[in-house]
Amino acid sequence: MDHSFTASVFIGTSVDGFIAREDGDLGWLISRGEAAGGGEGYGYPDFMSTVDTVVMGRATYEAVTASGWWEYDGKHVAVLSSRLPADRDPRITVYPDLDRLIAGLTDRGTKSVYVDGGQTIRTFLQAGLVQQITITQVPVLIGSGIPLFGPLEADISLTLLSAQALKAGLVQTTYAVEN
């Protein structure tokens, strides 16, 4: 797939690899992040300063808007969804499929994409579009929920770029994706 941008993931998970509970609840993540001094952002603000576009799926978009948290001003926000109406929100552009999303981002001259949301991350990984993944692991087992990763058509090799222990037992690892 021809495209003009790099794509990166920056996400928090439980130690057992979940990004949210089955119902989308993030309380386990938010409370521990705040207890660990989450105001520091653990590199998130610096990461966000490097991207011009945020891509997420419908479920992530709906979770973000329901929470009232919108920190994407100044960024192009693209939502990958075949069910979300195109005129749902003037802050976003809805793309019904990956091919149209990639064409739209390329036409816009997009340079650096932040990919968010489990399904969208998996879609980008399967398509070979992700160059870097940063995972902040929270020291909790939640037992079940929405996994960050799922079945793959083939192995995706990663190269460790950095690993660091953060406050309150959080561990952040950054990998280059070998596409």
N, C-alpha and C. Protein backbone atom coordinates (compact mmCIF):
# COMPACT_ATOMS: atom_id res chain seq x y z
N MET A 1 0.84 -1.18 0.00
CA MET A 1 0.00 0.00 0.00
C MET A 1 0.88 1.24 0.00
N ASP A 2 0.78 2.03 -1.04
CA ASP A 2 1.56 3.26 -1.10
C ASP A 2 0.98 4.28 -0.14
N HIS A 3 1.88 4.89 0.63
CA HIS A 3 1.45 5.92 1.57
C HIS A 3 2.63 6.84 1.88
N SER A 4 2.30 8.00 2.39
CA SER A 4 3.30 9.05 2.60
C SER A 4 3.68 9.22 4.07
N PHE A 5 3.20 8.38 4.95
CA PHE A 5 3.33 8.65 6.38
C PHE A 5 3.98 7.49 7.12
N THR A 6 4.45 7.81 8.33
CA THR A 6 4.85 6.78 9.28
C THR A 6 3.72 6.65 10.29
N ALA A 7 3.59 5.46 10.88
CA ALA A 7 2.53 5.23 11.86
C ALA A 7 3.12 4.62 13.11
N SER A 8 2.67 5.15 14.26
CA SER A 8 3.16 4.69 15.55
C SER A 8 1.99 4.42 16.49
N VAL A 9 2.23 3.52 17.44
CA VAL A 9 1.27 3.18 18.47
C VAL A 9 1.85 3.62 19.80
N PHE A 10 1.02 4.21 20.67
CA PHE A 10 1.41 4.59 22.03
C PHE A 10 0.22 4.23 22.90
N ILE A 11 0.35 3.18 23.70
CA ILE A 11 -0.83 2.65 24.39
C ILE A 11 -0.48 2.05 25.73
N GLY A 12 -1.46 2.01 26.63
CA GLY A 12 -1.30 1.36 27.93
C GLY A 12 -2.04 0.03 27.94
N THR A 13 -1.45 -0.96 28.63
CA THR A 13 -2.10 -2.27 28.77
C THR A 13 -1.95 -2.76 30.20
N SER A 14 -2.78 -3.72 30.55
CA SER A 14 -2.58 -4.47 31.79
C SER A 14 -1.44 -5.46 31.52
N VAL A 15 -0.90 -6.06 32.57
CA VAL A 15 0.17 -7.04 32.38
C VAL A 15 -0.32 -8.22 31.54
N ASP A 16 -1.61 -8.53 31.64
CA ASP A 16 -2.14 -9.64 30.83
C ASP A 16 -2.58 -9.20 29.44
N GLY A 17 -2.21 -8.00 29.02
CA GLY A 17 -2.34 -7.59 27.63
C GLY A 17 -3.65 -6.97 27.20
N PHE A 18 -4.46 -6.50 28.15
CA PHE A 18 -5.75 -5.89 27.81
C PHE A 18 -5.65 -4.37 27.82
N ILE A 19 -6.37 -3.74 26.88
CA ILE A 19 -6.37 -2.27 26.79
C ILE A 19 -7.60 -1.67 27.45
N ALA A 20 -8.60 -2.49 27.71
CA ALA A 20 -9.83 -2.05 28.39
C ALA A 20 -10.58 -3.28 28.87
N ARG A 21 -11.51 -3.06 29.78
CA ARG A 21 -12.40 -4.16 30.18
C ARG A 21 -13.35 -4.47 29.02
N GLU A 22 -14.08 -5.55 29.13
CA GLU A 22 -15.02 -5.97 28.06
C GLU A 22 -15.98 -4.84 27.68
N ASP A 23 -16.41 -4.04 28.67
CA ASP A 23 -17.36 -2.95 28.42
C ASP A 23 -16.69 -1.64 28.04
N GLY A 24 -15.37 -1.68 27.82
CA GLY A 24 -14.62 -0.49 27.43
C GLY A 24 -14.10 0.33 28.61
N ASP A 25 -14.42 -0.07 29.83
CA ASP A 25 -14.00 0.67 31.02
C ASP A 25 -12.48 0.74 31.13
N LEU A 26 -11.98 1.92 31.43
CA LEU A 26 -10.54 2.16 31.60
C LEU A 26 -10.18 2.57 33.02
N GLY A 27 -11.10 2.41 33.96
CA GLY A 27 -10.85 2.84 35.33
C GLY A 27 -9.59 2.24 35.93
N TRP A 28 -9.34 0.97 35.66
CA TRP A 28 -8.14 0.29 36.17
C TRP A 28 -6.86 0.97 35.67
N LEU A 29 -6.90 1.50 34.45
CA LEU A 29 -5.73 2.15 33.85
C LEU A 29 -5.59 3.58 34.36
N ILE A 30 -6.68 4.31 34.34
CA ILE A 30 -6.65 5.72 34.73
C ILE A 30 -6.28 5.88 36.20
N SER A 31 -6.89 5.08 37.08
CA SER A 31 -6.62 5.22 38.51
C SER A 31 -5.16 4.92 38.83
N ARG A 32 -4.59 3.92 38.21
CA ARG A 32 -3.19 3.58 38.47
C ARG A 32 -2.24 4.60 37.85
N GLY A 33 -2.61 5.13 36.70
CA GLY A 33 -1.79 6.16 36.09
C GLY A 33 -1.75 7.42 36.93
N GLU A 34 -2.92 7.79 37.49
CA GLU A 34 -2.97 8.97 38.35
C GLU A 34 -2.19 8.74 39.64
N ALA A 35 -2.32 7.53 40.20
CA ALA A 35 -1.59 7.21 41.43
C ALA A 35 -0.08 7.22 41.21
N ALA A 36 0.32 6.94 39.99
CA ALA A 36 1.74 6.89 39.67
C ALA A 36 2.26 8.26 39.22
N GLY A 37 1.44 9.28 39.34
CA GLY A 37 1.86 10.62 38.91
C GLY A 37 1.61 10.82 37.43
N GLY A 38 0.47 10.32 36.96
CA GLY A 38 0.14 10.33 35.54
C GLY A 38 0.15 11.69 34.88
N GLY A 39 0.17 12.76 35.66
CA GLY A 39 0.25 14.09 35.07
C GLY A 39 1.50 14.27 34.24
N GLU A 40 2.50 13.45 34.50
CA GLU A 40 3.73 13.52 33.72
C GLU A 40 3.51 13.02 32.31
N GLY A 41 2.51 12.18 32.10
CA GLY A 41 2.18 11.70 30.77
C GLY A 41 3.07 10.59 30.25
N TYR A 42 4.12 10.26 30.97
CA TYR A 42 5.01 9.16 30.59
C TYR A 42 5.41 9.20 29.12
N GLY A 43 5.68 10.38 28.63
CA GLY A 43 6.13 10.55 27.27
C GLY A 43 5.03 10.83 26.27
N TYR A 44 3.77 10.71 26.69
CA TYR A 44 2.65 10.93 25.78
C TYR A 44 2.63 12.34 25.19
N PRO A 45 2.79 13.39 26.00
CA PRO A 45 2.79 14.73 25.41
C PRO A 45 3.91 14.91 24.38
N ASP A 46 5.09 14.39 24.68
CA ASP A 46 6.20 14.48 23.72
C ASP A 46 5.87 13.71 22.45
N PHE A 47 5.31 12.52 22.62
CA PHE A 47 4.92 11.71 21.46
C PHE A 47 3.89 12.46 20.62
N MET A 48 2.86 13.01 21.25
CA MET A 48 1.81 13.71 20.51
C MET A 48 2.34 14.91 19.74
N SER A 49 3.40 15.51 20.24
CA SER A 49 3.97 16.66 19.53
C SER A 49 4.63 16.25 18.22
N THR A 50 4.85 14.96 18.02
CA THR A 50 5.51 14.48 16.80
C THR A 50 4.53 14.03 15.72
N VAL A 51 3.23 13.98 16.03
CA VAL A 51 2.26 13.48 15.04
C VAL A 51 1.36 14.60 14.54
N ASP A 52 0.96 14.47 13.28
CA ASP A 52 0.02 15.45 12.73
C ASP A 52 -1.39 14.88 12.58
N THR A 53 -1.51 13.55 12.70
CA THR A 53 -2.80 12.89 12.49
C THR A 53 -3.01 11.79 13.52
N VAL A 54 -4.25 11.68 14.00
CA VAL A 54 -4.65 10.60 14.90
C VAL A 54 -5.66 9.75 14.14
N VAL A 55 -5.43 8.43 14.12
CA VAL A 55 -6.37 7.50 13.49
C VAL A 55 -6.89 6.58 14.57
N MET A 56 -8.21 6.45 14.64
CA MET A 56 -8.82 5.56 15.61
C MET A 56 -10.06 4.93 14.99
N GLY A 57 -10.55 3.88 15.62
CA GLY A 57 -11.78 3.25 15.19
C GLY A 57 -12.99 3.88 15.87
N ARG A 58 -14.16 3.46 15.47
CA ARG A 58 -15.40 3.99 16.00
C ARG A 58 -15.51 3.80 17.51
N ALA A 59 -15.19 2.61 18.00
CA ALA A 59 -15.34 2.34 19.44
C ALA A 59 -14.44 3.26 20.26
N THR A 60 -13.21 3.47 19.82
CA THR A 60 -12.30 4.37 20.53
C THR A 60 -12.81 5.80 20.45
N TYR A 61 -13.26 6.22 19.28
CA TYR A 61 -13.82 7.56 19.13
C TYR A 61 -14.99 7.76 20.08
N GLU A 62 -15.91 6.79 20.13
CA GLU A 62 -17.07 6.93 21.01
C GLU A 62 -16.66 6.94 22.48
N ALA A 63 -15.66 6.16 22.85
CA ALA A 63 -15.18 6.16 24.24
C ALA A 63 -14.55 7.51 24.59
N VAL A 64 -13.78 8.05 23.67
CA VAL A 64 -13.13 9.34 23.91
C VAL A 64 -14.17 10.44 24.04
N THR A 65 -15.13 10.49 23.14
CA THR A 65 -16.13 11.56 23.21
C THR A 65 -17.04 11.40 24.42
N ALA A 66 -17.36 10.17 24.80
CA ALA A 66 -18.20 9.94 25.98
C ALA A 66 -17.50 10.39 27.26
N SER A 67 -16.17 10.28 27.27
CA SER A 67 -15.41 10.67 28.47
C SER A 67 -15.26 12.19 28.58
N GLY A 68 -15.51 12.89 27.47
CA GLY A 68 -15.32 14.33 27.46
C GLY A 68 -13.87 14.74 27.27
N TRP A 69 -13.00 13.77 27.12
CA TRP A 69 -11.56 14.01 26.95
C TRP A 69 -11.25 14.15 25.48
N TRP A 70 -10.82 15.33 25.05
CA TRP A 70 -10.47 15.55 23.65
C TRP A 70 -9.21 16.39 23.63
N GLU A 71 -8.09 15.76 23.41
CA GLU A 71 -6.82 16.48 23.40
C GLU A 71 -6.17 16.42 22.03
N TYR A 72 -7.00 16.52 21.00
CA TYR A 72 -6.49 16.38 19.63
C TYR A 72 -6.57 17.69 18.85
N ASP A 73 -6.83 18.81 19.53
CA ASP A 73 -6.89 20.08 18.81
C ASP A 73 -5.57 20.31 18.07
N GLY A 74 -5.69 20.77 16.85
CA GLY A 74 -4.51 21.00 16.02
C GLY A 74 -4.06 19.77 15.26
N LYS A 75 -4.73 18.64 15.47
CA LYS A 75 -4.42 17.39 14.78
C LYS A 75 -5.58 17.04 13.85
N HIS A 76 -5.25 16.43 12.74
CA HIS A 76 -6.30 15.84 11.90
C HIS A 76 -6.70 14.54 12.58
N VAL A 77 -7.99 14.34 12.82
CA VAL A 77 -8.47 13.11 13.46
C VAL A 77 -9.29 12.34 12.43
N ALA A 78 -8.81 11.12 12.14
CA ALA A 78 -9.48 10.24 11.19
C ALA A 78 -10.07 9.07 11.94
N VAL A 79 -11.32 8.75 11.65
CA VAL A 79 -11.98 7.62 12.29
C VAL A 79 -12.29 6.58 11.21
N LEU A 80 -11.78 5.38 11.44
CA LEU A 80 -11.99 4.26 10.52
C LEU A 80 -13.27 3.55 10.96
N SER A 81 -14.34 3.72 10.16
CA SER A 81 -15.63 3.12 10.54
C SER A 81 -16.55 3.04 9.33
N SER A 82 -17.17 1.89 9.18
CA SER A 82 -18.17 1.74 8.12
C SER A 82 -19.57 2.07 8.64
N ARG A 83 -19.70 2.30 9.95
CA ARG A 83 -21.02 2.57 10.55
C ARG A 83 -21.23 4.00 11.02
N LEU A 84 -20.16 4.75 11.23
CA LEU A 84 -20.28 6.11 11.74
C LEU A 84 -20.64 7.05 10.60
N PRO A 85 -21.67 7.89 10.77
CA PRO A 85 -22.02 8.85 9.71
C PRO A 85 -20.88 9.84 9.45
N ALA A 86 -20.66 10.17 8.19
CA ALA A 86 -19.57 11.07 7.81
C ALA A 86 -19.69 12.45 8.44
N ASP A 87 -20.92 12.88 8.73
CA ASP A 87 -21.13 14.21 9.29
C ASP A 87 -21.33 14.19 10.80
N ARG A 88 -20.90 13.15 11.47
CA ARG A 88 -21.13 12.95 12.91
C ARG A 88 -20.52 14.07 13.76
N ASP A 89 -19.32 14.52 13.39
CA ASP A 89 -18.59 15.45 14.24
C ASP A 89 -17.65 16.26 13.34
N PRO A 90 -17.72 17.58 13.38
CA PRO A 90 -16.86 18.38 12.49
C PRO A 90 -15.37 18.26 12.82
N ARG A 91 -15.03 17.70 13.99
CA ARG A 91 -13.62 17.56 14.36
C ARG A 91 -12.95 16.35 13.71
N ILE A 92 -13.74 15.49 13.07
CA ILE A 92 -13.20 14.24 12.53
C ILE A 92 -13.51 14.08 11.05
N THR A 93 -12.75 13.22 10.40
CA THR A 93 -13.06 12.75 9.06
C THR A 93 -13.27 11.25 9.17
N VAL A 94 -14.40 10.77 8.68
CA VAL A 94 -14.72 9.35 8.74
C VAL A 94 -14.33 8.70 7.42
N TYR A 95 -13.61 7.58 7.53
CA TYR A 95 -13.23 6.79 6.37
C TYR A 95 -13.85 5.40 6.54
N PRO A 96 -14.57 4.91 5.51
CA PRO A 96 -15.27 3.63 5.66
C PRO A 96 -14.39 2.39 5.54
N ASP A 97 -13.19 2.53 5.00
CA ASP A 97 -12.31 1.37 4.88
C ASP A 97 -10.85 1.82 4.84
N LEU A 98 -9.95 0.86 5.00
CA LEU A 98 -8.53 1.17 5.10
C LEU A 98 -7.98 1.79 3.82
N ASP A 99 -8.38 1.29 2.67
CA ASP A 99 -7.87 1.84 1.40
C ASP A 99 -8.21 3.32 1.26
N ARG A 100 -9.45 3.68 1.58
CA ARG A 100 -9.84 5.10 1.48
C ARG A 100 -9.16 5.94 2.54
N LEU A 101 -8.94 5.36 3.71
CA LEU A 101 -8.21 6.07 4.76
C LEU A 101 -6.79 6.39 4.30
N ILE A 102 -6.10 5.40 3.81
CA ILE A 102 -4.71 5.60 3.37
C ILE A 102 -4.65 6.61 2.22
N ALA A 103 -5.57 6.50 1.27
CA ALA A 103 -5.61 7.46 0.16
C ALA A 103 -5.88 8.87 0.69
N GLY A 104 -6.81 9.00 1.63
CA GLY A 104 -7.14 10.31 2.20
C GLY A 104 -5.97 10.92 2.95
N LEU A 105 -5.29 10.10 3.76
CA LEU A 105 -4.14 10.62 4.50
C LEU A 105 -3.00 11.01 3.57
N THR A 106 -2.80 10.20 2.55
CA THR A 106 -1.74 10.51 1.58
C THR A 106 -2.08 11.79 0.82
N ASP A 107 -3.34 11.95 0.40
CA ASP A 107 -3.76 13.16 -0.30
C ASP A 107 -3.59 14.41 0.58
N ARG A 108 -3.77 14.26 1.88
CA ARG A 108 -3.61 15.38 2.82
C ARG A 108 -2.15 15.72 3.06
N GLY A 109 -1.24 14.84 2.64
CA GLY A 109 0.18 15.07 2.91
C GLY A 109 0.56 14.69 4.33
N THR A 110 -0.18 13.78 4.93
CA THR A 110 0.09 13.33 6.29
C THR A 110 1.51 12.79 6.39
N LYS A 111 2.19 13.15 7.48
CA LYS A 111 3.58 12.70 7.69
C LYS A 111 3.70 11.69 8.81
N SER A 112 2.97 11.90 9.92
CA SER A 112 3.15 11.05 11.10
C SER A 112 1.80 10.77 11.76
N VAL A 113 1.45 9.49 11.88
CA VAL A 113 0.15 9.07 12.38
C VAL A 113 0.28 8.38 13.74
N TYR A 114 -0.60 8.73 14.65
CA TYR A 114 -0.78 8.03 15.92
C TYR A 114 -1.98 7.11 15.73
N VAL A 115 -1.75 5.80 15.80
CA VAL A 115 -2.81 4.82 15.63
C VAL A 115 -3.29 4.41 17.01
N ASP A 116 -4.62 4.53 17.26
CA ASP A 116 -5.16 4.23 18.59
C ASP A 116 -6.37 3.33 18.46
N GLY A 117 -6.55 2.47 19.46
CA GLY A 117 -7.68 1.55 19.52
C GLY A 117 -7.28 0.17 19.04
N GLY A 118 -7.68 -0.84 19.78
CA GLY A 118 -7.25 -2.21 19.52
C GLY A 118 -7.49 -2.68 18.10
N GLN A 119 -8.71 -2.57 17.61
CA GLN A 119 -9.04 -3.05 16.26
C GLN A 119 -8.24 -2.29 15.20
N THR A 120 -8.14 -0.99 15.35
CA THR A 120 -7.42 -0.18 14.36
C THR A 120 -5.92 -0.50 14.39
N ILE A 121 -5.38 -0.68 15.58
CA ILE A 121 -3.96 -1.06 15.69
C ILE A 121 -3.73 -2.39 14.99
N ARG A 122 -4.60 -3.37 15.25
CA ARG A 122 -4.45 -4.67 14.60
C ARG A 122 -4.56 -4.56 13.08
N THR A 123 -5.48 -3.74 12.59
CA THR A 123 -5.65 -3.54 11.15
C THR A 123 -4.38 -2.95 10.54
N PHE A 124 -3.82 -1.93 11.19
CA PHE A 124 -2.60 -1.30 10.70
C PHE A 124 -1.42 -2.26 10.74
N LEU A 125 -1.31 -3.05 11.81
CA LEU A 125 -0.23 -4.04 11.89
C LEU A 125 -0.34 -5.08 10.79
N GLN A 126 -1.54 -5.61 10.58
CA GLN A 126 -1.75 -6.63 9.54
C GLN A 126 -1.40 -6.09 8.16
N ALA A 127 -1.63 -4.80 7.94
CA ALA A 127 -1.34 -4.18 6.65
C ALA A 127 0.12 -3.74 6.52
N GLY A 128 0.91 -3.94 7.58
CA GLY A 128 2.32 -3.56 7.54
C GLY A 128 2.54 -2.06 7.59
N LEU A 129 1.64 -1.33 8.24
CA LEU A 129 1.70 0.13 8.25
C LEU A 129 2.32 0.73 9.51
N VAL A 130 2.56 -0.06 10.55
CA VAL A 130 3.09 0.47 11.81
C VAL A 130 4.61 0.34 11.82
N GLN A 131 5.30 1.43 12.17
CA GLN A 131 6.76 1.42 12.26
C GLN A 131 7.25 1.30 13.71
N GLN A 132 6.45 1.80 14.66
CA GLN A 132 6.91 1.80 16.05
C GLN A 132 5.74 1.60 17.01
N ILE A 133 6.00 0.84 18.09
CA ILE A 133 4.98 0.58 19.11
C ILE A 133 5.58 0.90 20.48
N THR A 134 4.89 1.74 21.24
CA THR A 134 5.26 2.00 22.63
C THR A 134 4.12 1.50 23.50
N ILE A 135 4.45 0.58 24.42
CA ILE A 135 3.46 0.00 25.32
C ILE A 135 3.86 0.33 26.75
N THR A 136 2.94 0.95 27.47
CA THR A 136 3.15 1.18 28.90
C THR A 136 2.30 0.16 29.64
N GLN A 137 2.99 -0.75 30.31
CA GLN A 137 2.33 -1.84 31.01
C GLN A 137 2.06 -1.45 32.46
N VAL A 138 0.79 -1.56 32.85
CA VAL A 138 0.35 -1.21 34.19
C VAL A 138 0.36 -2.48 35.04
N PRO A 139 0.90 -2.42 36.26
CA PRO A 139 1.02 -3.63 37.07
C PRO A 139 -0.30 -4.09 37.67
N VAL A 140 -1.15 -4.65 36.81
CA VAL A 140 -2.43 -5.20 37.24
C VAL A 140 -2.83 -6.28 36.25
N LEU A 141 -3.48 -7.31 36.77
CA LEU A 141 -4.10 -8.33 35.94
C LEU A 141 -5.60 -8.10 36.02
N ILE A 142 -6.25 -7.93 34.87
CA ILE A 142 -7.70 -7.72 34.91
C ILE A 142 -8.46 -8.96 34.44
N GLY A 143 -7.76 -9.97 33.96
CA GLY A 143 -8.36 -11.27 33.67
C GLY A 143 -9.05 -11.42 32.34
N SER A 144 -9.78 -10.40 31.91
CA SER A 144 -10.43 -10.44 30.61
C SER A 144 -10.68 -9.01 30.18
N GLY A 145 -10.92 -8.86 28.90
CA GLY A 145 -11.17 -7.53 28.38
C GLY A 145 -10.89 -7.48 26.89
N ILE A 146 -10.60 -6.30 26.42
CA ILE A 146 -10.28 -6.09 25.02
C ILE A 146 -8.77 -6.22 24.87
N PRO A 147 -8.31 -7.21 24.11
CA PRO A 147 -6.87 -7.41 23.98
C PRO A 147 -6.24 -6.38 23.04
N LEU A 148 -4.98 -6.06 23.30
CA LEU A 148 -4.25 -5.21 22.37
C LEU A 148 -4.01 -5.95 21.07
N PHE A 149 -3.57 -7.19 21.17
CA PHE A 149 -3.26 -7.97 19.98
C PHE A 149 -4.21 -9.15 19.87
N GLY A 150 -4.27 -9.73 18.69
CA GLY A 150 -5.11 -10.88 18.44
C GLY A 150 -4.43 -11.78 17.43
N PRO A 151 -5.20 -12.65 16.81
CA PRO A 151 -4.63 -13.56 15.82
C PRO A 151 -3.94 -12.80 14.69
N LEU A 152 -2.85 -13.37 14.20
CA LEU A 152 -2.09 -12.76 13.10
C LEU A 152 -1.99 -13.75 11.94
N GLU A 153 -1.92 -13.23 10.74
CA GLU A 153 -1.72 -14.08 9.57
C GLU A 153 -0.29 -14.58 9.51
N ALA A 154 0.64 -13.81 10.07
CA ALA A 154 2.06 -14.19 10.10
C ALA A 154 2.70 -13.46 11.28
N ASP A 155 3.87 -13.98 11.70
CA ASP A 155 4.60 -13.33 12.77
C ASP A 155 4.97 -11.90 12.36
N ILE A 156 4.99 -11.02 13.33
CA ILE A 156 5.46 -9.65 13.13
C ILE A 156 6.65 -9.49 14.06
N SER A 157 7.83 -9.37 13.50
CA SER A 157 9.05 -9.25 14.30
C SER A 157 9.21 -7.83 14.82
N LEU A 158 9.67 -7.74 16.06
CA LEU A 158 9.90 -6.46 16.71
C LEU A 158 11.34 -6.38 17.17
N THR A 159 11.88 -5.17 17.19
CA THR A 159 13.21 -4.91 17.73
C THR A 159 13.06 -3.95 18.90
N LEU A 160 13.56 -4.34 20.06
CA LEU A 160 13.46 -3.49 21.24
C LEU A 160 14.33 -2.25 21.07
N LEU A 161 13.71 -1.09 21.20
CA LEU A 161 14.43 0.18 21.13
C LEU A 161 14.76 0.72 22.51
N SER A 162 13.81 0.54 23.45
CA SER A 162 14.05 0.99 24.82
C SER A 162 13.08 0.29 25.77
N ALA A 163 13.50 0.22 27.03
CA ALA A 163 12.64 -0.29 28.10
C ALA A 163 13.00 0.48 29.35
N GLN A 164 11.99 0.93 30.06
CA GLN A 164 12.27 1.68 31.28
C GLN A 164 11.19 1.44 32.33
N ALA A 165 11.65 1.37 33.56
CA ALA A 165 10.73 1.27 34.70
C ALA A 165 10.30 2.68 35.06
N LEU A 166 8.99 2.85 35.25
CA LEU A 166 8.43 4.14 35.62
C LEU A 166 7.90 4.06 37.04
N LYS A 167 7.37 5.15 37.54
CA LYS A 167 6.80 5.18 38.89
C LYS A 167 5.70 4.15 39.04
N ALA A 168 5.51 3.71 40.28
CA ALA A 168 4.42 2.81 40.67
C ALA A 168 4.43 1.48 39.92
N GLY A 169 5.59 1.07 39.43
CA GLY A 169 5.71 -0.24 38.79
C GLY A 169 5.33 -0.31 37.33
N LEU A 170 5.03 0.82 36.71
CA LEU A 170 4.74 0.82 35.29
C LEU A 170 6.04 0.53 34.52
N VAL A 171 5.91 -0.16 33.41
CA VAL A 171 7.06 -0.46 32.55
C VAL A 171 6.71 -0.04 31.14
N GLN A 172 7.59 0.74 30.52
CA GLN A 172 7.34 1.22 29.18
C GLN A 172 8.39 0.65 28.23
N THR A 173 7.91 0.00 27.18
CA THR A 173 8.80 -0.56 26.17
C THR A 173 8.45 0.04 24.81
N THR A 174 9.48 0.30 24.03
CA THR A 174 9.29 0.80 22.68
C THR A 174 9.99 -0.14 21.72
N TYR A 175 9.26 -0.52 20.67
CA TYR A 175 9.77 -1.46 19.67
C TYR A 175 9.68 -0.85 18.28
N ALA A 176 10.65 -1.18 17.44
CA ALA A 176 10.54 -0.94 16.01
C ALA A 176 9.87 -2.15 15.42
N VAL A 177 8.95 -1.93 14.49
CA VAL A 177 8.27 -3.03 13.84
C VAL A 177 9.02 -3.34 12.54
N GLU A 178 9.39 -4.59 12.38
CA GLU A 178 10.13 -5.02 11.21
C GLU A 178 9.13 -5.40 10.11
N ASN A 179 8.82 -4.45 9.25
CA ASN A 179 7.85 -4.70 8.15
C ASN A 179 8.59 -5.21 6.92
